[in-house]
């Protein structure tokens, strides 16, 4: 389709319904569906409800961030399953990765 000027009309890309996905209602982390900026209010879909979480740090594409406060030593849950333990307190909106999480596979020797 062309406009009156002869230029091609390109339909606007629809905005995604969410910036991140909570894969299971019991998860305490969400996964970024795009790179997210520090200070952004990320829209989280899935898990049976929609919410917004203020991000204290930049979150790379496909990385996790905390949905709620996670105490040091507490289980981190994704896919409705424990994936590891927090090595320190993690605030809501904080990046969850190897700097503050020990993997459940590492804890059991990688088996």
Protein backbone atom coordinates (compact mmCIF):
# COMPACT_ATOMS: atom_id res chain seq x y z
CA UNK A 1 0.00 0.00 0.00
CA UNK A 2 1.31 3.48 -0.79
CA UNK A 3 0.61 6.87 0.72
CA UNK A 4 -0.40 9.95 -1.29
CA UNK A 5 3.32 10.81 -1.56
CA UNK A 6 4.18 7.48 -3.18
CA UNK A 7 5.95 6.20 -0.06
CA UNK A 8 5.11 2.76 1.24
CA UNK A 9 2.85 2.76 4.28
CA UNK A 10 4.25 0.43 6.91
CA UNK A 11 1.85 -0.63 9.63
CA UNK A 12 2.96 0.19 13.14
CA UNK A 13 4.37 -2.77 15.03
CA UNK A 14 2.07 -3.77 17.84
CA UNK A 15 3.43 -3.19 21.31
CA UNK A 16 4.12 -6.42 23.18
CA UNK A 17 1.65 -7.21 25.92
CA UNK A 18 4.50 -7.71 28.38
CA UNK A 19 8.16 -6.81 28.83
CA UNK A 20 8.84 -9.97 30.83
CA UNK A 21 7.25 -13.32 31.49
CA UNK A 22 6.49 -15.08 34.75
CA UNK A 23 6.41 -18.69 33.58
CA UNK A 24 4.48 -20.14 36.54
CA UNK A 25 2.25 -18.53 39.18
CA UNK A 26 4.66 -19.68 41.93
CA UNK A 27 7.79 -18.20 40.34
CA UNK A 28 9.61 -15.45 42.23
CA UNK A 29 11.50 -14.34 39.11
CA UNK A 30 10.47 -13.24 35.62
CA UNK A 31 12.38 -13.48 32.33
CA UNK A 32 12.99 -10.35 30.23
CA UNK A 33 11.49 -10.55 26.73
CA UNK A 34 13.70 -7.65 25.63
CA UNK A 35 16.59 -5.70 27.09
CA UNK A 36 15.16 -3.62 29.95
CA UNK A 37 16.57 -0.38 31.33
CA UNK A 38 17.26 0.44 34.97
CA UNK A 39 14.42 2.56 36.35
CA UNK A 40 11.89 1.13 33.92
CA UNK A 41 8.56 -0.26 35.16
CA UNK A 42 8.52 -3.68 33.49
CA UNK A 43 5.14 -5.13 32.59
CA UNK A 44 5.13 -8.78 33.63
CA UNK A 45 2.69 -11.20 32.02
CA UNK A 46 1.96 -14.84 32.64
CA UNK A 47 1.68 -16.67 35.93
CA UNK A 48 -2.05 -16.07 35.96
CA UNK A 49 -1.83 -12.33 36.60
CA UNK A 50 -0.30 -9.13 35.25
CA UNK A 51 1.89 -6.83 37.31
CA UNK A 52 4.52 -4.13 37.02
CA UNK A 53 7.91 -4.24 38.69
CA UNK A 54 10.26 -1.26 38.97
CA UNK A 55 13.73 -2.31 37.85
CA UNK A 56 16.70 -1.22 39.92
CA UNK A 57 19.18 -2.50 37.33
CA UNK A 58 19.34 -3.04 33.59
CA UNK A 59 18.17 -6.54 32.70
CA UNK A 60 19.60 -8.13 29.53
CA UNK A 61 17.33 -9.97 27.08
CA UNK A 62 16.33 -13.41 28.45
CA UNK A 63 17.81 -12.74 31.90
CA UNK A 64 15.86 -13.01 35.15
CA UNK A 65 14.85 -10.39 37.69
CA UNK A 66 13.21 -10.73 41.09
CA UNK A 67 9.47 -10.19 41.34
CA UNK A 68 9.54 -10.08 45.15
CA UNK A 69 12.19 -9.77 47.84
CA UNK A 70 14.22 -12.99 48.01
CA UNK A 71 16.19 -13.56 51.22
CA UNK A 72 19.73 -14.92 51.25
CA UNK A 73 19.51 -18.71 51.20
CA UNK A 74 15.94 -18.75 49.87
CA UNK A 75 14.96 -20.89 46.91
CA UNK A 76 14.66 -19.12 43.55
CA UNK A 77 11.81 -20.56 41.50
CA UNK A 78 11.34 -20.52 37.71
CA UNK A 79 9.11 -22.83 35.63
CA UNK A 80 7.39 -23.67 38.93
CA UNK A 81 10.59 -25.47 39.95
CA UNK A 82 13.52 -24.53 42.20
CA UNK A 83 16.47 -23.43 40.04
CA UNK A 84 18.86 -22.44 42.83
CA UNK A 85 19.35 -20.43 46.01
CA UNK A 86 20.00 -16.75 46.57
CA UNK A 87 23.55 -16.15 47.79
CA UNK A 88 22.48 -12.79 49.25
CA UNK A 89 19.31 -10.76 49.71
CA UNK A 90 17.78 -9.84 46.35
CA UNK A 91 15.38 -6.90 46.08
CA UNK A 92 12.37 -6.79 43.74
CA UNK A 93 13.47 -5.55 40.31
CA UNK A 94 17.06 -6.70 40.79
CA UNK A 95 18.92 -8.80 38.19
CA UNK A 96 19.10 -12.47 39.26
CA UNK A 97 22.14 -14.24 37.83
CA UNK A 98 25.40 -15.92 38.85
CA UNK A 99 26.44 -12.96 41.03
CA UNK A 100 23.57 -13.58 43.48
CA UNK A 101 22.34 -17.10 42.68
CA UNK A 102 23.91 -20.53 43.00
CA UNK A 103 22.32 -23.00 40.63
CA UNK A 104 20.52 -26.06 41.96
CA UNK A 105 22.64 -28.12 39.55
CA UNK A 106 25.84 -26.69 41.04
CA UNK A 107 24.59 -27.49 44.56
CA UNK A 108 24.00 -31.15 43.71
CA UNK A 109 27.31 -31.59 41.88
CA UNK A 110 25.92 -31.01 38.39
CA UNK A 111 24.04 -34.29 38.07
